Structure formats: structure tokens, C-alpha cells
């Protein structure tokens, strides 16, 4: 499956420069997401706001597509059109820590068992978590979507220093084998 890794934002709320390159427990934030996309053909959607991220992704063998930086949804559609994707595409934000083993693989398997053209991953409170599947064939249309619900503390979207601290604590707990 093709995966579009969204990594072109300004990272203002976190205030630590390019968010995908922020160090989390000794690794770049983007590396945590890349680990989960092992079964995908990955393209990074970057902007002029994320030149270090683009260089890093290229050094890791990830193809990059430069988008205009007009926002997540617009940049996603722009990347899909530029890449000429006319099939379902996994869209994942580069600022996630995913703590549930095989989550992305389970999401993709679930998607192919549904009859809807799109899917969004949400938490128990209904909040979107930055993992979606959309059909590139219908990128200019509103797509009916299924929901894939994830338990709390399984996906952390890093937007603030508090999110970063919470993610670090959960990663350390997981490494020690503790229940979190």
C-alpha cells in the first residue's frame, strides 16, 4: 500500500523547530512512524517549512513530494494529485507516537474489510488521531468513511511540550514492560 507521510507543518505549538526531527527518547519523532509503515511504499509530503525533514527522509530512502504548505488537507490532496495516486492511500501524520503493536497493519486490514472509500482512526472520545485511508480516485470528493477506534494512550499526537513529556513517559514504561 502507498503511504503518504504528512510532515510539512510549521510546528508552532511545540516550538522546537521541525516537529518530525524532534528528539524523543533518542530518536527522531518521524522514525517512530516510519517503523510502523514497514509494509508500505512511503512518500513524505514536505513543504518549505521542513527542509531538514525532507533531507533526512531522502537519506533514509523515502521519496518526498514538496507541497505548498497551505494546510494538512490541502497538502494531502496536492500530494496525491502530484503523485498520481488513483487507489486507496494511507495518510499518516509524522508527529505521532504509536504504542499499539501492529496498529497501522490492523487499520489497513480493517479498511479492506469495509465497504466505504475512506477510513479515519479515532480515540474513544471521537478525536481524530492523524491516521486515515482515502481513495485517491475520489480525492476531489467528500468520501464516506468508516471509523477505527483506538484505546487511549495507544497513539499520541505530539503538539505541545506536555504531549512530548507524556509520550516519553509512555515509551519508557513500554520499554520496561510496565502497564500504562
C-alpha atoms as a PDB file:
ATOM      1  CA  UNK A   1       0.000   0.000   0.000  1.00  0.00           C
ATOM      2  CA  UNK A   2       1.144   3.552  -0.660  1.00  0.00           C
ATOM      3  CA  UNK A   3       1.581   5.652   2.479  1.00  0.00           C
ATOM      4  CA  UNK A   4       1.727   9.426   2.485  1.00  0.00           C
ATOM      5  CA  UNK A   5       3.648  10.710   5.488  1.00  0.00           C
ATOM      6  CA  UNK A   6       2.468  14.238   6.237  1.00  0.00           C
ATOM      7  CA  UNK A   7       5.435  16.237   7.527  1.00  0.00           C
ATOM      8  CA  UNK A   8       5.141  19.782   6.267  1.00  0.00           C
ATOM      9  CA  UNK A   9       3.698  21.742   9.176  1.00  0.00           C
ATOM     10  CA  UNK A  10       5.263  24.663  10.997  1.00  0.00           C
ATOM     11  CA  UNK A  11       5.252  23.035  14.438  1.00  0.00           C
ATOM     12  CA  UNK A  12       4.395  26.307  16.186  1.00  0.00           C
ATOM     13  CA  UNK A  13       2.593  24.812  19.193  1.00  0.00           C
ATOM     14  CA  UNK A  14       5.553  22.593  20.067  1.00  0.00           C
ATOM     15  CA  UNK A  15       8.052  25.394  19.471  1.00  0.00           C
ATOM     16  CA  UNK A  16      11.054  23.123  18.856  1.00  0.00           C
ATOM     17  CA  UNK A  17      11.684  23.619  15.147  1.00  0.00           C
ATOM     18  CA  UNK A  18      10.717  20.983  12.600  1.00  0.00           C
ATOM     19  CA  UNK A  19       8.478  18.638  14.532  1.00  0.00           C
ATOM     20  CA  UNK A  20       9.378  15.421  12.663  1.00  0.00           C
ATOM     21  CA  UNK A  21      13.028  15.974  13.629  1.00  0.00           C
ATOM     22  CA  UNK A  22      12.383  16.490  17.353  1.00  0.00           C
ATOM     23  CA  UNK A  23      14.243  14.026  19.577  1.00  0.00           C
ATOM     24  CA  UNK A  24      12.000  11.662  21.529  1.00  0.00           C
ATOM     25  CA  UNK A  25      13.844   9.188  23.716  1.00  0.00           C
ATOM     26  CA  UNK A  26      16.909   9.254  21.461  1.00  0.00           C
ATOM     27  CA  UNK A  27      15.126   9.068  18.098  1.00  0.00           C
ATOM     28  CA  UNK A  28      13.579  11.488  15.625  1.00  0.00           C
ATOM     29  CA  UNK A  29       9.806  11.679  16.005  1.00  0.00           C
ATOM     30  CA  UNK A  30       9.360  10.734  12.340  1.00  0.00           C
ATOM     31  CA  UNK A  31      11.274   7.475  12.895  1.00  0.00           C
ATOM     32  CA  UNK A  32       8.540   6.173  15.176  1.00  0.00           C
ATOM     33  CA  UNK A  33       6.018   6.500  12.351  1.00  0.00           C
ATOM     34  CA  UNK A  34       8.384   5.129   9.708  1.00  0.00           C
ATOM     35  CA  UNK A  35       8.804   1.974  11.805  1.00  0.00           C
ATOM     36  CA  UNK A  36       5.052   1.389  11.578  1.00  0.00           C
ATOM     37  CA  UNK A  37       4.984   1.834   7.795  1.00  0.00           C
ATOM     38  CA  UNK A  38       7.400  -1.042   7.098  1.00  0.00           C
ATOM     39  CA  UNK A  39       4.965  -2.719   4.703  1.00  0.00           C
ATOM     40  CA  UNK A  40       4.195   0.429   2.692  1.00  0.00           C
ATOM     41  CA  UNK A  41       5.683   2.347  -0.209  1.00  0.00           C
ATOM     42  CA  UNK A  42       6.226   5.630   1.693  1.00  0.00           C
ATOM     43  CA  UNK A  43       6.314   9.187   0.345  1.00  0.00           C
ATOM     44  CA  UNK A  44       6.933  12.170   2.584  1.00  0.00           C
ATOM     45  CA  UNK A  45       4.805  15.258   1.927  1.00  0.00           C
ATOM     46  CA  UNK A  46       7.097  18.150   2.864  1.00  0.00           C
ATOM     47  CA  UNK A  47       7.000  21.924   2.491  1.00  0.00           C
ATOM     48  CA  UNK A  48       9.409  24.838   2.584  1.00  0.00           C
ATOM     49  CA  UNK A  49       8.874  24.746   6.371  1.00  0.00           C
ATOM     50  CA  UNK A  50      10.530  21.306   6.677  1.00  0.00           C
ATOM     51  CA  UNK A  51      13.781  21.207   4.645  1.00  0.00           C
ATOM     52  CA  UNK A  52      15.700  19.218   7.305  1.00  0.00           C
ATOM     53  CA  UNK A  53      12.924  16.648   7.427  1.00  0.00           C
ATOM     54  CA  UNK A  54      12.985  16.344   3.637  1.00  0.00           C
ATOM     55  CA  UNK A  55      16.777  15.824   3.610  1.00  0.00           C
ATOM     56  CA  UNK A  56      16.512  13.280   6.406  1.00  0.00           C
ATOM     57  CA  UNK A  57      13.728  11.309   4.714  1.00  0.00           C
ATOM     58  CA  UNK A  58      15.655  11.220   1.439  1.00  0.00           C
ATOM     59  CA  UNK A  59      18.736   9.954   3.308  1.00  0.00           C
ATOM     60  CA  UNK A  60      16.534   7.132   4.636  1.00  0.00           C
ATOM     61  CA  UNK A  61      15.390   6.197   1.126  1.00  0.00           C
ATOM     62  CA  UNK A  62      11.959   7.803   1.419  1.00  0.00           C
ATOM     63  CA  UNK A  63      10.713   9.666  -1.656  1.00  0.00           C
ATOM     64  CA  UNK A  64       9.460  13.188  -0.993  1.00  0.00           C
ATOM     65  CA  UNK A  65       6.909  15.393  -2.679  1.00  0.00           C
ATOM     66  CA  UNK A  66       7.013  19.126  -1.964  1.00  0.00           C
ATOM     67  CA  UNK A  67       3.599  20.654  -1.335  1.00  0.00           C
ATOM     68  CA  UNK A  68       2.551  24.290  -0.968  1.00  0.00           C
ATOM     69  CA  UNK A  69       2.165  24.353   2.820  1.00  0.00           C
ATOM     70  CA  UNK A  70      -1.445  25.537   2.691  1.00  0.00           C
ATOM     71  CA  UNK A  71      -2.583  23.125   5.416  1.00  0.00           C
ATOM     72  CA  UNK A  72      -2.874  19.424   6.129  1.00  0.00           C
ATOM     73  CA  UNK A  73      -5.925  18.658   3.986  1.00  0.00           C
ATOM     74  CA  UNK A  74      -4.859  20.784   1.013  1.00  0.00           C
ATOM     75  CA  UNK A  75      -1.292  19.460   1.134  1.00  0.00           C
ATOM     76  CA  UNK A  76      -2.567  15.888   1.300  1.00  0.00           C
ATOM     77  CA  UNK A  77      -4.778  16.347  -1.772  1.00  0.00           C
ATOM     78  CA  UNK A  78      -1.973  18.171  -3.581  1.00  0.00           C
ATOM     79  CA  UNK A  79       0.493  15.343  -2.894  1.00  0.00           C
ATOM     80  CA  UNK A  80      -1.953  12.666  -4.028  1.00  0.00           C
ATOM     81  CA  UNK A  81      -2.608  14.557  -7.270  1.00  0.00           C
ATOM     82  CA  UNK A  82       1.099  15.204  -7.912  1.00  0.00           C
ATOM     83  CA  UNK A  83       1.938  11.551  -7.289  1.00  0.00           C
ATOM     84  CA  UNK A  84      -0.941  10.409  -9.495  1.00  0.00           C
ATOM     85  CA  UNK A  85      -2.392   8.049  -6.879  1.00  0.00           C
ATOM     86  CA  UNK A  86      -5.712   6.590  -8.025  1.00  0.00           C
ATOM     87  CA  UNK A  87      -6.124   3.941  -5.354  1.00  0.00           C
ATOM     88  CA  UNK A  88      -6.547   3.851  -1.579  1.00  0.00           C
ATOM     89  CA  UNK A  89      -3.668   5.632   0.171  1.00  0.00           C
ATOM     90  CA  UNK A  90      -2.725   5.530   3.831  1.00  0.00           C
ATOM     91  CA  UNK A  91      -2.204   9.061   5.159  1.00  0.00           C
ATOM     92  CA  UNK A  92      -0.276   9.355   8.417  1.00  0.00           C
ATOM     93  CA  UNK A  93       0.846  12.415  10.314  1.00  0.00           C
ATOM     94  CA  UNK A  94       4.592  12.420  11.048  1.00  0.00           C
ATOM     95  CA  UNK A  95       4.080  13.689  14.592  1.00  0.00           C
ATOM     96  CA  UNK A  96       2.670  10.527  16.134  1.00  0.00           C
ATOM     97  CA  UNK A  97       3.951   8.077  18.673  1.00  0.00           C
ATOM     98  CA  UNK A  98       2.173   4.769  18.053  1.00  0.00           C
ATOM     99  CA  UNK A  99       2.340   2.443  21.035  1.00  0.00           C
ATOM    100  CA  UNK A 100      -0.045  -0.290  19.901  1.00  0.00           C
ATOM    101  CA  UNK A 101       1.779  -3.105  18.181  1.00  0.00           C
ATOM    102  CA  UNK A 102       0.758  -3.583  14.521  1.00  0.00           C
ATOM    103  CA  UNK A 103      -1.790  -0.763  14.732  1.00  0.00           C
ATOM    104  CA  UNK A 104      -1.227   0.504  11.185  1.00  0.00           C
ATOM    105  CA  UNK A 105      -1.330  -3.017   9.756  1.00  0.00           C
ATOM    106  CA  UNK A 106      -4.601  -3.664  11.636  1.00  0.00           C
ATOM    107  CA  UNK A 107      -6.044  -0.384  10.321  1.00  0.00           C
ATOM    108  CA  UNK A 108      -5.264  -1.356   6.721  1.00  0.00           C
ATOM    109  CA  UNK A 109      -6.711  -4.853   7.165  1.00  0.00           C
ATOM    110  CA  UNK A 110      -9.868  -3.353   8.702  1.00  0.00           C
ATOM    111  CA  UNK A 111     -10.180  -0.884   5.815  1.00  0.00           C
ATOM    112  CA  UNK A 112     -10.182  -3.648   3.217  1.00  0.00           C
ATOM    113  CA  UNK A 113     -12.996  -5.413   5.090  1.00  0.00           C
ATOM    114  CA  UNK A 114     -15.237  -2.324   4.954  1.00  0.00           C
ATOM    115  CA  UNK A 115     -17.353  -1.096   2.072  1.00  0.00           C
ATOM    116  CA  UNK A 116     -16.532   2.607   2.422  1.00  0.00           C
ATOM    117  CA  UNK A 117     -13.926   4.515   0.377  1.00  0.00           C
ATOM    118  CA  UNK A 118     -12.311   6.174   3.413  1.00  0.00           C
ATOM    119  CA  UNK A 119     -11.366   5.460   6.993  1.00  0.00           C
ATOM    120  CA  UNK A 120     -10.265   7.576   9.957  1.00  0.00           C
ATOM    121  CA  UNK A 121      -8.632   6.432  13.150  1.00  0.00           C
ATOM    122  CA  UNK A 122     -10.156   7.973  16.266  1.00  0.00           C
ATOM    123  CA  UNK A 123      -9.818   7.636  20.032  1.00  0.00           C
ATOM    124  CA  UNK A 124     -12.681   6.605  22.324  1.00  0.00           C
ATOM    125  CA  UNK A 125     -13.702  10.273  22.596  1.00  0.00           C
ATOM    126  CA  UNK A 126     -14.134  10.559  18.821  1.00  0.00           C
ATOM    127  CA  UNK A 127     -10.986  12.653  18.276  1.00  0.00           C
ATOM    128  CA  UNK A 128      -9.126  12.088  15.008  1.00  0.00           C
ATOM    129  CA  UNK A 129      -5.608  10.733  15.558  1.00  0.00           C
ATOM    130  CA  UNK A 130      -3.902  11.606  12.264  1.00  0.00           C
ATOM    131  CA  UNK A 131      -4.192   8.223  10.547  1.00  0.00           C
ATOM    132  CA  UNK A 132      -6.537   7.947   7.566  1.00  0.00           C
ATOM    133  CA  UNK A 133      -7.100   5.989   4.407  1.00  0.00           C
ATOM    134  CA  UNK A 134      -8.632   7.798   1.463  1.00  0.00           C
ATOM    135  CA  UNK A 135      -9.237   6.753  -2.106  1.00  0.00           C
ATOM    136  CA  UNK A 136      -7.045   8.781  -4.442  1.00  0.00           C
ATOM    137  CA  UNK A 137      -9.518   8.150  -7.274  1.00  0.00           C
ATOM    138  CA  UNK A 138     -12.044  10.373  -5.486  1.00  0.00           C
ATOM    139  CA  UNK A 139      -9.681  12.941  -3.950  1.00  0.00           C
ATOM    140  CA  UNK A 140     -11.862  15.859  -5.103  1.00  0.00           C
ATOM    141  CA  UNK A 141     -14.981  14.434  -3.435  1.00  0.00           C
ATOM    142  CA  UNK A 142     -16.185  14.028   0.123  1.00  0.00           C
ATOM    143  CA  UNK A 143     -15.677  10.352   0.931  1.00  0.00           C
ATOM    144  CA  UNK A 144     -17.922   8.351   3.236  1.00  0.00           C
ATOM    145  CA  UNK A 145     -15.693   6.930   5.950  1.00  0.00           C
ATOM    146  CA  UNK A 146     -15.506   4.140   8.486  1.00  0.00           C
ATOM    147  CA  UNK A 147     -14.110   4.726  11.965  1.00  0.00           C
ATOM    148  CA  UNK A 148     -11.363   2.635  13.541  1.00  0.00           C
ATOM    149  CA  UNK A 149     -11.401   3.216  17.297  1.00  0.00           C
ATOM    150  CA  UNK A 150      -8.177   3.063  19.304  1.00  0.00           C
ATOM    151  CA  UNK A 151      -7.859   2.908  23.090  1.00  0.00           C
ATOM    152  CA  UNK A 152      -6.400   5.849  24.985  1.00  0.00           C
ATOM    153  CA  UNK A 153      -2.603   6.138  25.170  1.00  0.00           C
ATOM    154  CA  UNK A 154      -2.082   3.947  22.093  1.00  0.00           C
ATOM    155  CA  UNK A 155      -1.481   6.890  19.723  1.00  0.00           C
ATOM    156  CA  UNK A 156      -0.120  10.215  20.909  1.00  0.00           C
ATOM    157  CA  UNK A 157      -0.190  13.213  18.609  1.00  0.00           C
ATOM    158  CA  UNK A 158       2.725  15.442  19.591  1.00  0.00           C
ATOM    159  CA  UNK A 159       1.596  19.068  19.526  1.00  0.00           C
ATOM    160  CA  UNK A 160       2.787  20.516  22.820  1.00  0.00           C
ATOM    161  CA  UNK A 161       5.695  20.025  25.241  1.00  0.00           C
ATOM    162  CA  UNK A 162       3.218  18.237  27.533  1.00  0.00           C
ATOM    163  CA  UNK A 163       2.412  15.733  24.747  1.00  0.00           C
ATOM    164  CA  UNK A 164       6.132  15.159  24.292  1.00  0.00           C
ATOM    165  CA  UNK A 165       6.622  14.526  28.008  1.00  0.00           C
ATOM    166  CA  UNK A 166       3.651  12.136  28.120  1.00  0.00           C
ATOM    167  CA  UNK A 167       4.972  10.229  25.097  1.00  0.00           C
ATOM    168  CA  UNK A 168       8.438   9.931  26.644  1.00  0.00           C
ATOM    169  CA  UNK A 169       6.970   8.527  29.850  1.00  0.00           C
ATOM    170  CA  UNK A 170       4.837   6.009  27.961  1.00  0.00           C
ATOM    171  CA  UNK A 171       7.760   4.919  25.757  1.00  0.00           C
ATOM    172  CA  UNK A 172       9.955   4.371  28.835  1.00  0.00           C
ATOM    173  CA  UNK A 173       7.155   2.432  30.547  1.00  0.00           C
ATOM    174  CA  UNK A 174       6.676   0.258  27.485  1.00  0.00           C
ATOM    175  CA  UNK A 175      10.415  -0.454  27.301  1.00  0.00           C
ATOM    176  CA  UNK A 176      10.317  -1.604  30.937  1.00  0.00           C
ATOM    177  CA  UNK A 177       7.277  -3.746  30.218  1.00  0.00           C
ATOM    178  CA  UNK A 178       5.036  -1.808  32.563  1.00  0.00           C
ATOM    179  CA  UNK A 179       1.313  -1.456  32.083  1.00  0.00           C
ATOM    180  CA  UNK A 180       0.353   2.110  31.147  1.00  0.00           C
END
